[in-house]
Amino acid sequence: MDLLTHPNELSTTWIENLALEELNMEESGVVSFNEHLNPVHYLEESSVDYMNTIRDRFEIYVSKFNEFRSNNKNEAQIKIFKISNTVNDFMLYRHSLRLIFARKAHDLITIGFLSSNGELFAARVNNSNREETKRSPHKIKAHVGPFNRISWRFEGEIIDIDSLTRHYLSEFIRCSAR
């Protein structure tokens, strides 16, 4: 959890990790003075946290959607699956359509649809006419700012997780409706 997604909550994970690193340093005798200057560790931690936050939001909304659909056929419900052999990749599934969220690197998350015939395509975006954005999965990139402040961006714009969740879930529900 970070201040970008929960601005009123103070994250203390970094100070706890710093204390543990110091204890390990005292025990091992290995000193690392410059690790906090390298953003790779922060990017890895941020991407895992970001994906967990996205998945948590999807689980809330999918549960609510399925609750409203409970009177109808079970096949109309959306299912969320974790993807094996990954840290926290996941997918939504309904009527043979998949919406896949995958961490491709410590600074890159991709989001794309996979149809039953194996076709990979991206969600429609209202402000983008680029052919590349339509065909390949969308890319959410980490941006490292001053003091290793990490923000997640789509086409250069900072992302609001609630807007991201609403957009992709709406697109998934509409594309998977029968």
N, C-alpha and C. Protein backbone atom coordinates (compact mmCIF):
# COMPACT_ATOMS: atom_id res chain seq x y z
N MET A 1 0.85 -1.17 0.00
CA MET A 1 0.00 0.00 0.00
C MET A 1 0.90 1.23 0.00
N ASP A 2 0.61 2.20 -0.84
CA ASP A 2 1.43 3.39 -0.89
C ASP A 2 0.56 4.63 -0.84
N LEU A 3 1.20 5.76 -0.74
CA LEU A 3 0.47 7.01 -0.62
C LEU A 3 -0.21 7.43 -1.91
N LEU A 4 0.21 6.87 -3.04
CA LEU A 4 -0.46 7.20 -4.30
C LEU A 4 -1.84 6.59 -4.38
N THR A 5 -2.00 5.39 -3.85
CA THR A 5 -3.29 4.72 -3.93
C THR A 5 -4.13 4.95 -2.68
N HIS A 6 -3.50 5.23 -1.57
CA HIS A 6 -4.19 5.50 -0.31
C HIS A 6 -3.53 6.71 0.35
N PRO A 7 -3.82 7.92 -0.12
CA PRO A 7 -3.10 9.11 0.33
C PRO A 7 -3.26 9.44 1.81
N ASN A 8 -4.28 8.93 2.47
CA ASN A 8 -4.48 9.25 3.88
C ASN A 8 -3.86 8.22 4.81
N GLU A 9 -3.24 7.20 4.26
CA GLU A 9 -2.62 6.17 5.08
C GLU A 9 -1.11 6.26 4.96
N LEU A 10 -0.44 6.17 6.07
CA LEU A 10 1.01 6.27 6.12
C LEU A 10 1.61 4.87 6.06
N SER A 11 2.43 4.63 5.06
CA SER A 11 3.09 3.33 4.91
C SER A 11 4.38 3.34 5.71
N THR A 12 4.56 2.32 6.53
CA THR A 12 5.77 2.21 7.34
C THR A 12 6.66 1.06 6.89
N THR A 13 6.31 0.43 5.78
CA THR A 13 7.08 -0.72 5.30
C THR A 13 8.54 -0.36 5.07
N TRP A 14 8.80 0.81 4.49
CA TRP A 14 10.16 1.18 4.16
C TRP A 14 11.04 1.31 5.41
N ILE A 15 10.50 1.83 6.49
CA ILE A 15 11.31 2.01 7.71
C ILE A 15 11.53 0.66 8.39
N GLU A 16 10.54 -0.22 8.31
CA GLU A 16 10.70 -1.57 8.85
C GLU A 16 11.79 -2.32 8.07
N ASN A 17 11.77 -2.18 6.74
CA ASN A 17 12.81 -2.82 5.92
C ASN A 17 14.18 -2.25 6.21
N LEU A 18 14.25 -0.95 6.44
CA LEU A 18 15.53 -0.32 6.75
C LEU A 18 16.09 -0.85 8.07
N ALA A 19 15.24 -1.04 9.06
CA ALA A 19 15.67 -1.59 10.34
C ALA A 19 16.16 -3.03 10.17
N LEU A 20 15.44 -3.83 9.36
CA LEU A 20 15.86 -5.21 9.11
C LEU A 20 17.18 -5.27 8.36
N GLU A 21 17.35 -4.37 7.39
CA GLU A 21 18.62 -4.32 6.65
C GLU A 21 19.78 -4.01 7.59
N GLU A 22 19.56 -3.11 8.53
CA GLU A 22 20.62 -2.76 9.47
C GLU A 22 20.95 -3.93 10.38
N LEU A 23 19.93 -4.66 10.82
CA LEU A 23 20.18 -5.85 11.64
C LEU A 23 20.97 -6.89 10.84
N ASN A 24 20.57 -7.10 9.58
CA ASN A 24 21.29 -8.06 8.72
C ASN A 24 22.72 -7.60 8.48
N MET A 25 22.92 -6.29 8.34
CA MET A 25 24.26 -5.76 8.13
C MET A 25 25.14 -6.04 9.35
N GLU A 26 24.58 -5.86 10.53
CA GLU A 26 25.34 -6.11 11.76
C GLU A 26 25.71 -7.58 11.89
N GLU A 27 24.79 -8.46 11.50
CA GLU A 27 25.04 -9.89 11.60
C GLU A 27 26.02 -10.39 10.53
N SER A 28 25.86 -9.90 9.31
CA SER A 28 26.67 -10.41 8.20
C SER A 28 27.98 -9.66 8.02
N GLY A 29 28.03 -8.42 8.47
CA GLY A 29 29.22 -7.61 8.27
C GLY A 29 29.30 -6.98 6.89
N VAL A 30 28.26 -7.19 6.04
CA VAL A 30 28.22 -6.62 4.71
C VAL A 30 27.47 -5.30 4.76
N VAL A 31 28.13 -4.25 4.29
CA VAL A 31 27.54 -2.92 4.35
C VAL A 31 27.16 -2.48 2.94
N SER A 32 25.95 -1.96 2.78
CA SER A 32 25.50 -1.46 1.49
C SER A 32 25.04 -0.02 1.68
N PHE A 33 25.90 0.92 1.27
CA PHE A 33 25.60 2.33 1.50
C PHE A 33 24.76 2.97 0.39
N ASN A 34 24.77 2.41 -0.80
CA ASN A 34 24.14 3.08 -1.93
C ASN A 34 22.88 2.40 -2.46
N GLU A 35 22.40 1.37 -1.79
CA GLU A 35 21.26 0.63 -2.30
C GLU A 35 20.01 1.50 -2.44
N HIS A 36 19.83 2.45 -1.57
CA HIS A 36 18.64 3.30 -1.63
C HIS A 36 18.66 4.25 -2.83
N LEU A 37 19.79 4.35 -3.51
CA LEU A 37 19.89 5.21 -4.69
C LEU A 37 19.50 4.48 -5.97
N ASN A 38 19.47 3.16 -5.92
CA ASN A 38 19.12 2.35 -7.08
C ASN A 38 17.61 2.05 -7.05
N PRO A 39 16.86 2.49 -8.05
CA PRO A 39 15.40 2.33 -8.00
C PRO A 39 14.87 0.93 -8.32
N VAL A 40 15.72 0.00 -8.71
CA VAL A 40 15.24 -1.32 -9.13
C VAL A 40 14.47 -2.02 -8.00
N HIS A 41 14.99 -1.99 -6.79
CA HIS A 41 14.31 -2.62 -5.66
C HIS A 41 12.94 -1.95 -5.43
N TYR A 42 12.91 -0.63 -5.51
CA TYR A 42 11.65 0.10 -5.30
C TYR A 42 10.66 -0.18 -6.42
N LEU A 43 11.16 -0.32 -7.65
CA LEU A 43 10.28 -0.64 -8.77
C LEU A 43 9.66 -2.02 -8.61
N GLU A 44 10.46 -2.97 -8.20
CA GLU A 44 9.94 -4.33 -7.98
C GLU A 44 8.87 -4.33 -6.90
N GLU A 45 9.16 -3.70 -5.79
CA GLU A 45 8.20 -3.61 -4.69
C GLU A 45 6.94 -2.87 -5.12
N SER A 46 7.10 -1.78 -5.84
CA SER A 46 5.97 -0.98 -6.28
C SER A 46 5.10 -1.75 -7.27
N SER A 47 5.71 -2.49 -8.19
CA SER A 47 4.91 -3.22 -9.17
C SER A 47 4.10 -4.33 -8.52
N VAL A 48 4.68 -5.00 -7.53
CA VAL A 48 3.94 -6.04 -6.81
C VAL A 48 2.77 -5.40 -6.05
N ASP A 49 3.04 -4.31 -5.34
CA ASP A 49 1.99 -3.62 -4.60
C ASP A 49 0.90 -3.09 -5.53
N TYR A 50 1.31 -2.54 -6.66
CA TYR A 50 0.35 -1.97 -7.61
C TYR A 50 -0.57 -3.05 -8.18
N MET A 51 0.02 -4.18 -8.56
CA MET A 51 -0.79 -5.29 -9.07
C MET A 51 -1.74 -5.82 -7.99
N ASN A 52 -1.27 -5.93 -6.76
CA ASN A 52 -2.14 -6.39 -5.68
C ASN A 52 -3.31 -5.44 -5.47
N THR A 53 -3.04 -4.15 -5.54
CA THR A 53 -4.09 -3.15 -5.38
C THR A 53 -5.11 -3.25 -6.51
N ILE A 54 -4.62 -3.40 -7.74
CA ILE A 54 -5.53 -3.55 -8.88
C ILE A 54 -6.38 -4.81 -8.71
N ARG A 55 -5.76 -5.92 -8.36
CA ARG A 55 -6.50 -7.18 -8.20
C ARG A 55 -7.53 -7.06 -7.07
N ASP A 56 -7.16 -6.40 -5.97
CA ASP A 56 -8.10 -6.20 -4.87
C ASP A 56 -9.33 -5.43 -5.32
N ARG A 57 -9.12 -4.39 -6.12
CA ARG A 57 -10.25 -3.60 -6.62
C ARG A 57 -11.14 -4.45 -7.54
N PHE A 58 -10.50 -5.23 -8.41
CA PHE A 58 -11.28 -6.08 -9.30
C PHE A 58 -12.09 -7.10 -8.50
N GLU A 59 -11.50 -7.67 -7.46
CA GLU A 59 -12.22 -8.66 -6.66
C GLU A 59 -13.45 -8.05 -6.02
N ILE A 60 -13.36 -6.82 -5.55
CA ILE A 60 -14.51 -6.14 -4.95
C ILE A 60 -15.62 -5.95 -5.98
N TYR A 61 -15.26 -5.40 -7.14
CA TYR A 61 -16.27 -5.10 -8.16
C TYR A 61 -16.83 -6.35 -8.82
N VAL A 62 -15.99 -7.35 -9.05
CA VAL A 62 -16.45 -8.60 -9.64
C VAL A 62 -17.41 -9.30 -8.68
N SER A 63 -17.09 -9.29 -7.40
CA SER A 63 -17.97 -9.89 -6.41
C SER A 63 -19.33 -9.20 -6.41
N LYS A 64 -19.34 -7.89 -6.50
CA LYS A 64 -20.60 -7.13 -6.54
C LYS A 64 -21.37 -7.44 -7.82
N PHE A 65 -20.66 -7.49 -8.95
CA PHE A 65 -21.31 -7.82 -10.23
C PHE A 65 -21.93 -9.22 -10.17
N ASN A 66 -21.16 -10.19 -9.68
CA ASN A 66 -21.66 -11.56 -9.60
C ASN A 66 -22.83 -11.67 -8.63
N GLU A 67 -22.80 -10.88 -7.57
CA GLU A 67 -23.90 -10.87 -6.60
C GLU A 67 -25.20 -10.42 -7.29
N PHE A 68 -25.12 -9.39 -8.11
CA PHE A 68 -26.30 -8.92 -8.83
C PHE A 68 -26.73 -9.90 -9.90
N ARG A 69 -25.80 -10.67 -10.43
CA ARG A 69 -26.11 -11.65 -11.47
C ARG A 69 -26.48 -13.01 -10.88
N SER A 70 -26.53 -13.16 -9.58
CA SER A 70 -26.71 -14.47 -8.94
C SER A 70 -28.03 -15.14 -9.29
N ASN A 71 -29.05 -14.38 -9.66
CA ASN A 71 -30.33 -14.98 -10.02
C ASN A 71 -30.29 -15.66 -11.38
N ASN A 72 -29.30 -15.32 -12.17
CA ASN A 72 -29.20 -15.88 -13.52
C ASN A 72 -28.24 -17.05 -13.55
N LYS A 73 -27.91 -17.48 -14.73
CA LYS A 73 -27.04 -18.64 -14.91
C LYS A 73 -25.66 -18.41 -14.32
N ASN A 74 -25.08 -19.45 -13.76
CA ASN A 74 -23.75 -19.38 -13.18
C ASN A 74 -22.69 -19.07 -14.22
N GLU A 75 -22.93 -19.46 -15.46
CA GLU A 75 -21.94 -19.25 -16.52
C GLU A 75 -21.74 -17.77 -16.84
N ALA A 76 -22.68 -16.92 -16.44
CA ALA A 76 -22.56 -15.49 -16.70
C ALA A 76 -21.67 -14.79 -15.67
N GLN A 77 -21.28 -15.51 -14.64
CA GLN A 77 -20.44 -14.91 -13.61
C GLN A 77 -19.01 -14.76 -14.08
N ILE A 78 -18.35 -13.75 -13.55
CA ILE A 78 -16.94 -13.50 -13.85
C ILE A 78 -16.10 -14.23 -12.82
N LYS A 79 -15.04 -14.85 -13.28
CA LYS A 79 -14.11 -15.53 -12.37
C LYS A 79 -12.75 -14.86 -12.44
N ILE A 80 -12.07 -14.82 -11.32
CA ILE A 80 -10.71 -14.27 -11.26
C ILE A 80 -9.77 -15.42 -10.92
N PHE A 81 -8.72 -15.54 -11.71
CA PHE A 81 -7.72 -16.58 -11.49
C PHE A 81 -6.35 -15.95 -11.35
N LYS A 82 -5.55 -16.48 -10.44
CA LYS A 82 -4.14 -16.12 -10.38
C LYS A 82 -3.44 -16.95 -11.45
N ILE A 83 -2.41 -16.40 -12.03
CA ILE A 83 -1.67 -17.11 -13.07
C ILE A 83 -0.48 -17.80 -12.43
N SER A 84 -0.39 -19.10 -12.62
CA SER A 84 0.66 -19.88 -11.94
C SER A 84 2.05 -19.49 -12.40
N ASN A 85 3.00 -19.74 -11.53
CA ASN A 85 4.42 -19.46 -11.76
C ASN A 85 4.72 -17.98 -11.97
N THR A 86 3.88 -17.12 -11.43
CA THR A 86 4.14 -15.69 -11.45
C THR A 86 3.95 -15.15 -10.03
N VAL A 87 4.47 -13.96 -9.79
CA VAL A 87 4.34 -13.38 -8.45
C VAL A 87 2.90 -13.03 -8.16
N ASN A 88 2.28 -12.26 -9.05
CA ASN A 88 0.89 -11.88 -8.80
C ASN A 88 0.12 -11.49 -10.06
N ASP A 89 0.46 -12.10 -11.19
CA ASP A 89 -0.33 -11.89 -12.39
C ASP A 89 -1.70 -12.54 -12.17
N PHE A 90 -2.71 -12.00 -12.85
CA PHE A 90 -4.05 -12.55 -12.70
C PHE A 90 -4.85 -12.31 -13.97
N MET A 91 -6.00 -12.99 -14.05
CA MET A 91 -6.87 -12.78 -15.20
C MET A 91 -8.32 -12.89 -14.77
N LEU A 92 -9.18 -12.23 -15.53
CA LEU A 92 -10.62 -12.36 -15.41
C LEU A 92 -11.06 -13.27 -16.54
N TYR A 93 -12.10 -14.07 -16.27
CA TYR A 93 -12.57 -15.02 -17.27
C TYR A 93 -14.10 -15.05 -17.27
N ARG A 94 -14.67 -15.01 -18.48
CA ARG A 94 -16.11 -15.19 -18.65
C ARG A 94 -16.39 -15.47 -20.12
N HIS A 95 -17.22 -16.47 -20.37
CA HIS A 95 -17.64 -16.83 -21.73
C HIS A 95 -16.45 -16.95 -22.69
N SER A 96 -15.41 -17.61 -22.26
CA SER A 96 -14.19 -17.89 -23.04
C SER A 96 -13.35 -16.65 -23.36
N LEU A 97 -13.66 -15.51 -22.78
CA LEU A 97 -12.83 -14.31 -22.93
C LEU A 97 -12.01 -14.12 -21.66
N ARG A 98 -10.76 -13.76 -21.85
CA ARG A 98 -9.86 -13.51 -20.72
C ARG A 98 -9.35 -12.08 -20.79
N LEU A 99 -9.26 -11.46 -19.62
CA LEU A 99 -8.60 -10.16 -19.48
C LEU A 99 -7.40 -10.41 -18.60
N ILE A 100 -6.20 -10.25 -19.16
CA ILE A 100 -4.97 -10.66 -18.48
C ILE A 100 -4.17 -9.45 -18.03
N PHE A 101 -3.78 -9.46 -16.75
CA PHE A 101 -2.90 -8.46 -16.16
C PHE A 101 -1.59 -9.15 -15.83
N ALA A 102 -0.51 -8.71 -16.47
CA ALA A 102 0.78 -9.39 -16.29
C ALA A 102 1.90 -8.40 -16.05
N ARG A 103 2.73 -8.72 -15.07
CA ARG A 103 3.95 -7.93 -14.83
C ARG A 103 5.02 -8.50 -15.76
N LYS A 104 5.38 -7.76 -16.79
CA LYS A 104 6.38 -8.23 -17.75
C LYS A 104 7.79 -7.89 -17.30
N ALA A 105 7.92 -6.87 -16.47
CA ALA A 105 9.21 -6.44 -15.92
C ALA A 105 8.91 -5.67 -14.64
N HIS A 106 9.94 -5.31 -13.91
CA HIS A 106 9.71 -4.59 -12.66
C HIS A 106 9.13 -3.19 -12.88
N ASP A 107 9.15 -2.71 -14.12
CA ASP A 107 8.60 -1.39 -14.41
C ASP A 107 7.52 -1.42 -15.49
N LEU A 108 6.99 -2.62 -15.79
CA LEU A 108 6.03 -2.75 -16.88
C LEU A 108 4.93 -3.74 -16.53
N ILE A 109 3.69 -3.28 -16.67
CA ILE A 109 2.51 -4.13 -16.50
C ILE A 109 1.74 -4.06 -17.81
N THR A 110 1.34 -5.22 -18.33
CA THR A 110 0.54 -5.23 -19.55
C THR A 110 -0.87 -5.69 -19.23
N ILE A 111 -1.83 -5.15 -20.00
CA ILE A 111 -3.24 -5.49 -19.83
C ILE A 111 -3.80 -5.76 -21.22
N GLY A 112 -4.32 -6.97 -21.41
CA GLY A 112 -4.86 -7.29 -22.72
C GLY A 112 -5.91 -8.38 -22.66
N PHE A 113 -6.71 -8.43 -23.71
CA PHE A 113 -7.74 -9.45 -23.86
C PHE A 113 -7.18 -10.61 -24.67
N LEU A 114 -7.63 -11.81 -24.34
CA LEU A 114 -7.29 -13.01 -25.09
C LEU A 114 -8.60 -13.73 -25.38
N SER A 115 -8.92 -13.87 -26.66
CA SER A 115 -10.17 -14.52 -27.04
C SER A 115 -9.97 -16.03 -27.15
N SER A 116 -11.05 -16.75 -27.32
CA SER A 116 -10.99 -18.22 -27.39
C SER A 116 -10.21 -18.71 -28.60
N ASN A 117 -10.15 -17.90 -29.66
CA ASN A 117 -9.40 -18.31 -30.85
C ASN A 117 -7.92 -17.91 -30.78
N GLY A 118 -7.48 -17.40 -29.63
CA GLY A 118 -6.08 -17.06 -29.44
C GLY A 118 -5.72 -15.65 -29.86
N GLU A 119 -6.70 -14.88 -30.30
CA GLU A 119 -6.44 -13.50 -30.71
C GLU A 119 -6.21 -12.62 -29.48
N LEU A 120 -5.13 -11.86 -29.51
CA LEU A 120 -4.79 -10.93 -28.44
C LEU A 120 -5.16 -9.53 -28.90
N PHE A 121 -5.90 -8.80 -28.08
CA PHE A 121 -6.27 -7.44 -28.44
C PHE A 121 -6.39 -6.58 -27.19
N ALA A 122 -6.40 -5.28 -27.39
CA ALA A 122 -6.44 -4.33 -26.29
C ALA A 122 -7.85 -3.80 -26.10
N ALA A 123 -8.09 -3.26 -24.94
CA ALA A 123 -9.37 -2.60 -24.67
C ALA A 123 -9.46 -1.33 -25.51
N ARG A 124 -10.67 -0.96 -25.84
CA ARG A 124 -10.86 0.29 -26.56
C ARG A 124 -10.56 1.45 -25.62
N VAL A 125 -9.95 2.48 -26.17
CA VAL A 125 -9.64 3.68 -25.39
C VAL A 125 -10.20 4.86 -26.16
N ASN A 126 -10.95 5.71 -25.48
CA ASN A 126 -11.65 6.79 -26.17
C ASN A 126 -10.75 7.87 -26.73
N ASN A 127 -9.57 8.05 -26.20
CA ASN A 127 -8.72 9.15 -26.67
C ASN A 127 -7.52 8.69 -27.48
N SER A 128 -7.55 7.47 -27.99
CA SER A 128 -6.40 6.97 -28.73
C SER A 128 -6.85 6.34 -30.04
N ASN A 129 -6.34 6.85 -31.12
CA ASN A 129 -6.65 6.28 -32.43
C ASN A 129 -5.48 5.49 -33.00
N ARG A 130 -4.41 5.39 -32.23
CA ARG A 130 -3.24 4.69 -32.73
C ARG A 130 -3.52 3.21 -32.91
N GLU A 131 -3.10 2.70 -34.05
CA GLU A 131 -3.32 1.29 -34.37
C GLU A 131 -2.60 0.39 -33.37
N GLU A 132 -1.42 0.81 -32.90
CA GLU A 132 -0.64 0.02 -31.95
C GLU A 132 -1.41 -0.19 -30.65
N THR A 133 -2.10 0.85 -30.18
CA THR A 133 -2.85 0.77 -28.93
C THR A 133 -4.03 -0.18 -29.06
N LYS A 134 -4.59 -0.33 -30.26
CA LYS A 134 -5.74 -1.19 -30.47
C LYS A 134 -5.36 -2.67 -30.53
N ARG A 135 -4.20 -2.97 -31.09
CA ARG A 135 -3.84 -4.37 -31.35
C ARG A 135 -3.08 -5.02 -30.20
N SER A 136 -2.10 -4.36 -29.66
CA SER A 136 -1.28 -4.99 -28.64
C SER A 136 -1.80 -4.63 -27.25
N PRO A 137 -1.44 -5.45 -26.27
CA PRO A 137 -1.89 -5.14 -24.90
C PRO A 137 -1.44 -3.74 -24.47
N HIS A 138 -2.23 -3.14 -23.63
CA HIS A 138 -1.85 -1.82 -23.11
C HIS A 138 -0.67 -1.97 -22.15
N LYS A 139 0.16 -0.97 -22.14
CA LYS A 139 1.35 -0.98 -21.29
C LYS A 139 1.23 0.09 -20.22
N ILE A 140 1.35 -0.35 -18.98
CA ILE A 140 1.38 0.55 -17.84
C ILE A 140 2.84 0.59 -17.40
N LYS A 141 3.45 1.77 -17.50
CA LYS A 141 4.88 1.91 -17.22
C LYS A 141 5.10 2.67 -15.92
N ALA A 142 6.13 2.26 -15.20
CA ALA A 142 6.53 2.97 -13.99
C ALA A 142 7.40 4.15 -14.38
N HIS A 143 7.19 5.23 -13.70
CA HIS A 143 8.02 6.41 -13.87
C HIS A 143 8.67 6.70 -12.53
N VAL A 144 10.00 6.79 -12.54
CA VAL A 144 10.73 7.09 -11.32
C VAL A 144 11.03 8.58 -11.30
N GLY A 145 10.49 9.25 -10.30
CA GLY A 145 10.68 10.68 -10.16
C GLY A 145 11.73 10.99 -9.10
N PRO A 146 11.78 12.24 -8.68
CA PRO A 146 12.75 12.62 -7.65
C PRO A 146 12.57 11.80 -6.38
N PHE A 147 13.66 11.48 -5.76
CA PHE A 147 13.70 10.74 -4.50
C PHE A 147 13.05 9.36 -4.62
N ASN A 148 13.16 8.76 -5.80
CA ASN A 148 12.61 7.43 -6.09
C ASN A 148 11.09 7.35 -5.90
N ARG A 149 10.41 8.45 -6.14
CA ARG A 149 8.94 8.44 -6.11
C ARG A 149 8.47 7.78 -7.40
N ILE A 150 7.69 6.72 -7.26
CA ILE A 150 7.25 5.95 -8.41
C ILE A 150 5.77 6.23 -8.69
N SER A 151 5.51 6.56 -9.96
CA SER A 151 4.12 6.71 -10.40
C SER A 151 3.92 5.80 -11.60
N TRP A 152 2.71 5.32 -11.75
CA TRP A 152 2.38 4.41 -12.85
C TRP A 152 1.59 5.17 -13.89
N ARG A 153 1.99 4.99 -15.18
CA ARG A 153 1.45 5.81 -16.25
C ARG A 153 1.03 4.98 -17.46
N PHE A 154 0.01 5.50 -18.14
CA PHE A 154 -0.44 4.95 -19.42
C PHE A 154 -0.31 6.07 -20.44
N GLU A 155 0.44 5.81 -21.49
CA GLU A 155 0.72 6.80 -22.53
C GLU A 155 1.16 8.14 -21.92
N GLY A 156 2.00 8.05 -20.87
CA GLY A 156 2.58 9.23 -20.24
C GLY A 156 1.74 9.87 -19.16
N GLU A 157 0.49 9.46 -19.02
CA GLU A 157 -0.42 10.06 -18.04
C GLU A 157 -0.49 9.22 -16.77
N ILE A 158 -0.47 9.87 -15.62
CA ILE A 158 -0.59 9.18 -14.34
C ILE A 158 -1.96 8.51 -14.26
N ILE A 159 -1.98 7.31 -13.73
CA ILE A 159 -3.20 6.50 -13.69
C ILE A 159 -3.87 6.58 -12.32
N ASP A 160 -5.18 6.72 -12.37
CA ASP A 160 -6.03 6.58 -11.19
C ASP A 160 -6.54 5.14 -11.19
N ILE A 161 -6.26 4.38 -10.14
CA ILE A 161 -6.60 2.95 -10.12
C ILE A 161 -8.11 2.73 -10.23
N ASP A 162 -8.90 3.58 -9.61
CA ASP A 162 -10.36 3.41 -9.70
C ASP A 162 -10.83 3.59 -11.14
N SER A 163 -10.28 4.57 -11.84
CA SER A 163 -10.65 4.78 -13.24
C SER A 163 -10.19 3.61 -14.10
N LEU A 164 -8.98 3.12 -13.86
CA LEU A 164 -8.45 1.97 -14.60
C LEU A 164 -9.36 0.77 -14.40
N THR A 165 -9.71 0.49 -13.16
CA THR A 165 -10.55 -0.67 -12.84
C THR A 165 -11.92 -0.54 -13.51
N ARG A 166 -12.52 0.62 -13.39
CA ARG A 166 -13.85 0.84 -13.97
C ARG A 166 -13.80 0.65 -15.50
N HIS A 167 -12.77 1.21 -16.13
CA HIS A 167 -12.67 1.13 -17.59
C HIS A 167 -12.50 -0.31 -18.06
N TYR A 168 -11.52 -1.02 -17.52
CA TYR A 168 -11.25 -2.37 -18.00
C TYR A 168 -12.36 -3.35 -17.64
N LEU A 169 -12.96 -3.19 -16.46
CA LEU A 169 -14.04 -4.09 -16.10
C LEU A 169 -15.27 -3.83 -16.96
N SER A 170 -15.57 -2.57 -17.23
CA SER A 170 -16.71 -2.25 -18.11
C SER A 170 -16.48 -2.82 -19.50
N GLU A 171 -15.28 -2.65 -20.02
CA GLU A 171 -14.96 -3.18 -21.35
C GLU A 171 -15.03 -4.70 -21.36
N PHE A 172 -14.53 -5.34 -20.31
CA PHE A 172 -14.56 -6.80 -20.22
C PHE A 172 -16.00 -7.31 -20.17
N ILE A 173 -16.83 -6.69 -19.35
CA ILE A 173 -18.22 -7.13 -19.22
C ILE A 173 -18.95 -6.97 -20.55
N ARG A 174 -18.74 -5.86 -21.22
CA ARG A 174 -19.42 -5.63 -22.50
C ARG A 174 -18.93 -6.58 -23.58
N CYS A 175 -17.63 -6.83 -23.61
CA CYS A 175 -17.07 -7.73 -24.64
C CYS A 175 -17.40 -9.19 -24.39
N SER A 176 -17.65 -9.56 -23.13
CA SER A 176 -17.92 -10.97 -22.81
C SER A 176 -19.41 -11.26 -22.65
N ALA A 177 -20.26 -10.27 -22.85
CA ALA A 177 -21.71 -10.48 -22.73
C ALA A 177 -22.20 -11.33 -23.89
N ARG A 178 -23.20 -12.12 -23.64
CA ARG A 178 -23.78 -12.97 -24.70
C ARG A 178 -25.19 -12.56 -24.97
